[in-house]
Protein backbone atom coordinates (compact mmCIF):
# COMPACT_ATOMS: atom_id res chain seq x y z
CA UNK A 1 4.84 4.59 5.78
CA UNK A 2 5.44 6.82 9.04
CA UNK A 3 3.18 6.48 11.64
CA UNK A 4 0.25 8.02 10.45
CA UNK A 5 -0.66 11.11 11.62
CA UNK A 6 -4.48 11.66 11.54
CA UNK A 7 -4.59 14.64 13.47
CA UNK A 8 -8.01 16.66 12.78
CA UNK A 9 -6.72 19.97 10.57
CA UNK A 10 -7.95 23.42 12.00
CA UNK A 11 -8.89 25.19 8.53
CA UNK A 12 -8.65 28.31 10.28
CA UNK A 13 -5.26 27.95 11.37
CA UNK A 14 -2.13 29.55 9.72
CA UNK A 15 -0.71 27.46 7.39
CA UNK A 16 2.84 26.26 8.07
CA UNK A 17 4.54 23.37 6.43
CA UNK A 18 4.96 19.96 8.56
CA UNK A 19 8.08 19.67 9.68
CA UNK A 20 9.60 16.20 9.70
CA UNK A 21 10.61 14.51 12.22
CA UNK A 22 13.73 11.78 11.75
CA UNK A 23 12.50 10.16 14.96
CA UNK A 24 9.20 9.87 13.76
CA UNK A 25 10.75 8.27 10.43
CA UNK A 26 12.74 5.63 12.46
CA UNK A 27 9.83 4.62 14.24
CA UNK A 28 7.55 4.01 11.15
CA UNK A 29 10.20 2.12 9.30
CA UNK A 30 10.43 0.12 12.53
CA UNK A 31 6.60 -0.30 13.18
CA UNK A 32 6.43 -1.25 9.02
CA UNK A 33 8.64 -3.87 9.64
CA UNK A 34 6.99 -5.55 12.45
CA UNK A 35 3.43 -4.69 10.32
CA UNK A 36 5.07 -6.38 7.45
CA UNK A 37 6.82 -9.20 9.49
CA UNK A 38 3.82 -10.79 11.22
CA UNK A 39 0.13 -10.27 9.79
CA UNK A 40 1.25 -7.99 6.28
CA UNK A 41 3.21 -9.98 4.40
CA UNK A 42 0.68 -13.36 4.61
CA UNK A 43 -2.04 -10.98 3.36
CA UNK A 44 0.11 -9.72 0.83
CA UNK A 45 0.56 -13.10 -0.54
CA UNK A 46 -3.15 -14.34 -0.44
CA UNK A 47 -3.98 -11.56 -2.34
CA UNK A 48 -1.28 -12.03 -5.13
CA UNK A 49 -2.51 -15.02 -5.14
CA UNK A 50 -6.21 -14.52 -5.91
CA UNK A 51 -5.22 -11.96 -8.14
CA UNK A 52 -2.72 -14.08 -10.15
CA UNK A 53 -4.83 -17.20 -9.87
CA UNK A 54 -8.59 -15.88 -10.38
CA UNK A 55 -10.35 -19.03 -10.91
CA UNK A 56 -8.97 -20.36 -7.24
CA UNK A 57 -11.29 -19.87 -4.28
CA UNK A 58 -9.86 -18.43 -1.32
CA UNK A 59 -9.72 -22.11 0.42
CA UNK A 60 -7.73 -23.27 -2.75
CA UNK A 61 -5.16 -20.12 -2.22
CA UNK A 62 -4.83 -20.89 1.14
CA UNK A 63 -3.81 -24.63 0.06
CA UNK A 64 -1.48 -23.38 -2.78
CA UNK A 65 0.64 -21.27 -0.66
CA UNK A 66 0.88 -23.99 2.50
CA UNK A 67 1.71 -26.27 -0.55
CA UNK A 68 5.16 -24.13 -1.39
CA UNK A 69 6.85 -24.52 2.13
CA UNK A 70 4.32 -24.89 4.92
CA UNK A 71 3.61 -21.31 7.00
CA UNK A 72 7.08 -20.04 5.41
CA UNK A 73 5.13 -19.83 2.16
CA UNK A 74 3.03 -17.17 3.35
CA UNK A 75 5.97 -15.42 3.69
CA UNK A 76 7.67 -15.53 0.36
CA UNK A 77 9.19 -12.03 -0.84
CA UNK A 78 9.55 -11.01 2.61
CA UNK A 79 13.17 -10.70 2.62
CA UNK A 80 14.84 -9.10 0.93
CA UNK A 81 12.03 -7.26 -1.09
CA UNK A 82 9.38 -6.33 1.67
CA UNK A 83 11.89 -5.56 4.11
CA UNK A 84 13.32 -2.80 1.64
CA UNK A 85 10.02 -1.65 0.85
CA UNK A 86 8.95 -1.32 3.99
CA UNK A 87 11.94 0.43 5.31
CA UNK A 88 12.01 2.84 2.74
CA UNK A 89 8.37 4.17 1.61
CA UNK A 90 7.16 5.74 4.82
CA UNK A 91 10.09 8.65 4.41
CA UNK A 92 9.08 9.47 0.81
CA UNK A 93 5.78 9.26 1.24
CA UNK A 94 5.84 11.45 4.03
CA UNK A 95 8.91 13.94 2.01
CA UNK A 96 6.91 14.19 -0.93
CA UNK A 97 2.72 14.40 0.49
CA UNK A 98 4.03 17.08 2.95
CA UNK A 99 5.45 19.02 -0.26
CA UNK A 100 2.44 18.83 -2.25
CA UNK A 101 -0.03 19.13 0.58
CA UNK A 102 1.27 22.64 1.58
CA UNK A 103 1.68 23.82 -1.96
CA UNK A 104 -1.75 22.98 -2.89
CA UNK A 105 -3.21 24.55 0.57
CA UNK A 106 -0.81 27.51 -0.30
CA UNK A 107 -2.74 27.90 -3.81
CA UNK A 108 -5.91 27.59 -1.28
CA UNK A 109 -7.44 24.08 -1.49
CA UNK A 110 -9.18 22.95 1.49
CA UNK A 111 -7.67 20.37 4.00
CA UNK A 112 -9.52 17.79 2.61
CA UNK A 113 -8.61 18.55 -1.08
CA UNK A 114 -5.06 19.24 0.31
CA UNK A 115 -4.98 15.92 1.95
CA UNK A 116 -6.10 14.20 -1.34
CA UNK A 117 -2.64 16.07 -3.26
CA UNK A 118 -0.45 15.18 -0.99
CA UNK A 119 -1.48 11.37 -1.22
CA UNK A 120 -1.26 11.53 -5.27
CA UNK A 121 2.15 13.00 -5.00
CA UNK A 122 3.26 10.75 -2.53
CA UNK A 123 1.83 7.74 -3.94
CA UNK A 124 3.43 8.17 -7.52
CA UNK A 125 6.85 8.94 -5.61
CA UNK A 126 6.59 5.75 -4.09
CA UNK A 127 6.01 3.63 -6.77
CA UNK A 128 9.23 5.55 -9.09
CA UNK A 129 11.73 5.09 -6.19
CA UNK A 130 11.69 1.60 -4.23
CA UNK A 131 7.96 -0.04 -4.61
CA UNK A 132 8.34 -0.62 -8.06
CA UNK A 133 10.94 -3.00 -8.23
CA UNK A 134 10.01 -4.50 -4.55
CA UNK A 135 6.50 -4.81 -5.62
CA UNK A 136 7.60 -6.73 -8.59
CA UNK A 137 10.12 -9.04 -7.03
CA UNK A 138 7.35 -10.10 -4.42
CA UNK A 139 5.21 -11.02 -7.23
CA UNK A 140 7.34 -13.05 -8.61
CA UNK A 141 8.29 -14.89 -6.23
CA UNK A 142 4.62 -15.80 -5.04
CA UNK A 143 3.82 -16.69 -8.99
CA UNK A 144 6.85 -17.55 -10.61
CA UNK A 145 7.59 -21.53 -10.91
CA UNK A 146 9.62 -23.45 -8.30
CA UNK A 147 11.84 -25.70 -9.94
CA UNK A 148 14.04 -28.32 -8.61
CA UNK A 149 17.04 -26.21 -8.25
CA UNK A 150 16.51 -23.73 -5.41
CA UNK A 151 17.69 -20.32 -6.55
CA UNK A 152 17.93 -17.57 -4.75
CA UNK A 153 15.75 -14.33 -4.96
CA UNK A 154 18.76 -12.35 -5.72
CA UNK A 155 19.66 -14.54 -8.26
CA UNK A 156 16.53 -14.20 -9.98
CA UNK A 157 16.54 -10.54 -9.50
CA UNK A 158 20.20 -10.43 -11.28
CA UNK A 159 19.00 -12.89 -13.96
CA UNK A 160 16.50 -10.42 -14.59
CA UNK A 161 18.03 -7.33 -14.34
CA UNK A 162 20.88 -9.32 -17.03
CA UNK A 163 18.29 -10.02 -19.60
CA UNK A 164 15.92 -7.36 -19.96
CA UNK A 165 17.76 -4.69 -17.70
CA UNK A 166 16.16 -1.88 -15.17
CA UNK A 167 13.10 -2.00 -16.70
CA UNK A 168 12.58 -5.89 -16.50
CA UNK A 169 12.79 -5.50 -12.60
CA UNK A 170 10.66 -2.30 -12.72
CA UNK A 171 8.02 -4.14 -15.03
CA UNK A 172 4.22 -2.61 -14.03
CA UNK A 173 5.57 -0.02 -12.36
CA UNK A 174 3.15 2.39 -14.25
CA UNK A 175 0.56 0.32 -12.57
CA UNK A 176 1.84 0.50 -9.15
CA UNK A 177 2.12 4.35 -9.55
CA UNK A 178 -2.01 4.43 -10.37
CA UNK A 179 -2.36 2.13 -7.55
CA UNK A 180 -0.05 4.39 -5.13
CA UNK A 181 -1.59 7.45 -6.46
CA UNK A 182 -5.03 6.64 -6.02
CA UNK A 183 -5.23 4.27 -2.77
CA UNK A 184 -3.17 7.27 -0.79
CA UNK A 185 -5.51 10.21 -2.35
CA UNK A 186 -8.16 8.32 -1.35
CA UNK A 187 -6.62 6.87 2.25
CA UNK A 188 -5.94 10.35 2.93
CA UNK A 189 -8.97 11.95 1.75
CA UNK A 190 -11.52 9.62 3.04
CA UNK A 191 -9.46 9.78 6.21
CA UNK A 192 -9.87 13.26 6.85
CA UNK A 193 -13.32 13.46 5.61
CA UNK A 194 -14.39 10.45 8.08
CA UNK A 195 -12.26 12.27 11.17
CA UNK A 196 -14.01 15.80 10.46
CA UNK A 197 -17.34 14.25 10.21
CA UNK A 198 -16.77 11.99 13.54
CA UNK A 199 -15.18 15.25 15.24
CA UNK A 200 -18.10 17.13 14.45
CA UNK A 201 -20.83 14.76 15.65
CA UNK A 202 -19.54 13.97 18.61
CA UNK A 203 -17.81 17.70 19.99
CA UNK A 204 -20.06 19.97 17.68
CA UNK A 205 -18.47 22.90 15.82
CA UNK A 206 -16.69 24.83 18.64
CA UNK A 207 -13.32 26.06 17.56
CA UNK A 208 -11.28 23.70 19.87
CA UNK A 209 -13.47 20.26 18.60
CA UNK A 210 -10.69 19.27 16.55
CA UNK A 211 -8.44 19.32 19.72
CA UNK A 212 -10.95 16.90 21.56
CA UNK A 213 -10.80 13.70 19.11
CA UNK A 214 -9.59 10.53 20.57
CA UNK A 215 -7.26 8.42 19.66
CA UNK A 216 -10.30 5.71 18.98
CA UNK A 217 -11.80 8.62 16.71
CA UNK A 218 -8.61 9.04 14.33
CA UNK A 219 -8.08 5.16 14.61
CA UNK A 220 -11.38 4.07 13.29
CA UNK A 221 -11.68 7.22 10.88
CA UNK A 222 -8.11 5.58 9.54
CA UNK A 223 -9.53 1.88 9.75
CA UNK A 224 -12.51 3.38 7.05
CA UNK A 225 -10.09 5.48 5.01
CA UNK A 226 -8.01 2.36 4.67
CA UNK A 227 -11.29 0.04 4.05
CA UNK A 228 -12.34 2.36 0.87
CA UNK A 229 -9.29 2.84 -0.23
CA UNK A 230 -9.68 -0.72 -1.65
CA UNK A 231 -12.02 0.74 -4.04
CA UNK A 232 -9.13 0.54 -6.84
CA UNK A 233 -8.64 -3.56 -6.60
CA UNK A 234 -9.00 -3.60 -10.25
CA UNK A 235 -5.86 -1.91 -10.92
CA UNK A 236 -4.09 -3.67 -8.00
CA UNK A 237 -5.23 -7.00 -10.14
CA UNK A 238 -4.14 -5.30 -13.22
CA UNK A 239 -0.71 -4.60 -11.49
CA UNK A 240 -0.25 -8.63 -10.67
CA UNK A 241 -1.11 -10.03 -14.12
CA UNK A 242 1.63 -7.44 -15.38
CA UNK A 243 4.14 -8.65 -13.22
CA UNK A 244 2.99 -12.59 -12.69
CA UNK A 245 5.51 -15.28 -13.71
CA UNK A 246 2.73 -17.95 -14.58
CA UNK A 247 2.54 -18.66 -18.08
CA UNK A 248 -0.89 -19.58 -20.16
CA UNK A 249 -2.09 -19.95 -23.64
CA UNK A 250 -3.25 -16.32 -25.18
CA UNK A 251 -1.57 -14.56 -22.30
CA UNK A 252 0.18 -11.43 -24.12
CA UNK A 253 4.14 -12.11 -22.92
CA UNK A 254 4.67 -8.03 -22.73
CA UNK A 255 1.78 -6.54 -21.23
CA UNK A 256 0.67 -2.99 -20.67
CA UNK A 257 -2.06 -1.66 -18.64
CA UNK A 258 -4.13 -1.58 -21.55
CA UNK A 259 -3.46 -5.35 -22.49
CA UNK A 260 -3.63 -6.77 -19.31
CA UNK A 261 -7.21 -5.13 -19.05
CA UNK A 262 -8.34 -6.71 -21.91
CA UNK A 263 -6.92 -10.11 -21.42
CA UNK A 264 -8.51 -9.98 -17.63
CA UNK A 265 -12.06 -9.49 -18.66
CA UNK A 266 -11.82 -11.83 -21.34
CA UNK A 267 -10.56 -14.40 -19.09
CA UNK A 268 -12.98 -13.71 -16.15
CA UNK A 269 -15.12 -10.65 -16.75
CA UNK A 270 -15.68 -7.82 -14.21
CA UNK A 271 -15.60 -10.23 -10.96
CA UNK A 272 -12.02 -10.76 -12.03
CA UNK A 273 -10.71 -7.64 -10.91
CA UNK A 274 -11.99 -7.53 -7.79
CA UNK A 275 -10.54 -11.23 -6.81
CA UNK A 276 -8.17 -10.47 -3.60
CA UNK A 277 -10.14 -7.53 -2.38
CA UNK A 278 -11.03 -9.24 1.24
CA UNK A 279 -6.94 -9.98 2.09
CA UNK A 280 -6.38 -6.56 0.90
CA UNK A 281 -9.01 -5.10 3.31
CA UNK A 282 -7.74 -7.38 5.62
CA UNK A 283 -4.31 -6.06 5.11
CA UNK A 284 -5.16 -2.15 5.18
CA UNK A 285 -6.50 -2.97 8.57
CA UNK A 286 -3.33 -4.61 10.04
CA UNK A 287 -1.74 -1.41 8.65
CA UNK A 288 -3.82 0.78 10.56
CA UNK A 289 -3.87 -1.36 13.85
CA UNK A 290 0.02 -1.00 13.55
CA UNK A 291 0.62 2.29 11.87
CA UNK A 292 -2.02 4.53 13.80
CA UNK A 293 -2.99 2.29 17.65
CA UNK A 294 0.97 1.34 17.87
CA UNK A 295 2.13 4.82 15.99
CA UNK A 296 0.00 6.66 18.92
CA UNK A 297 1.62 4.75 21.68
CA UNK A 298 5.10 4.43 20.77
CA UNK A 299 5.09 8.39 20.13
CA UNK A 300 3.89 9.04 23.09
CA UNK A 301 6.21 6.63 24.59
CA UNK A 302 9.50 8.04 23.09
CA UNK A 303 7.50 11.75 23.27
CA UNK A 304 8.14 12.08 19.49
CA UNK A 305 4.44 13.61 19.13
């Protein structure tokens, strides 16, 4: 994503389409690369490990990941898949969400509803462009059986395409679309609502109240939005199960969202749908710190606000 623009919206201001800054897109891609290359990918790997191996405790998951390659085990799927995703998903989100939000507002929606509509559209577009196959290949790297013969991740991708076609490398993309749609709708909507609440509580109802919001106000609103948007963790667990390379007795070979949901419930009950939620919350907080706090700093530094 590009640096998150969490500026409070004045509902009385004339409606105009938000301009897309190519400098901000480049900055966003750079910050995304930093985020995923530091703590982002370890959180992602831990989350995937727990969601795919729902009987493991957090300690067992950490030991298992470490056993696959030491510290580097926590960075499986980083190159090239996480880097491709990080460098492209922000542009897709910004372009699409901006269009959807503008047309929703033009149709009479409030800033809160417009943010939700923009988030839904942007999230779906992300899934069906680059995030679908990148997410699949990251999950493959975490869950596949490691053979004695070391295979490159690109060879594995080529073999999947040769055997199953484009659909094979996009397995689980519909679940990714549902996750991204609900995730960004929640994050945009909750963040906007939280920011408006903070602004009203701290600065009252004056016409210029939205202009007085500080960077800390914005960061807190984004952290709340990022954390609460994890309510859709069941969708994430279903997505991981659909893309997992683990083999088990009674596990359907070709999963749909419905069959994956049934399989998870039969094996682990309701609690199975919330495996990996803690590292996902941690991931959301780390993304927020990078994209809001660092984003605001570097936008001011480079003059791209």
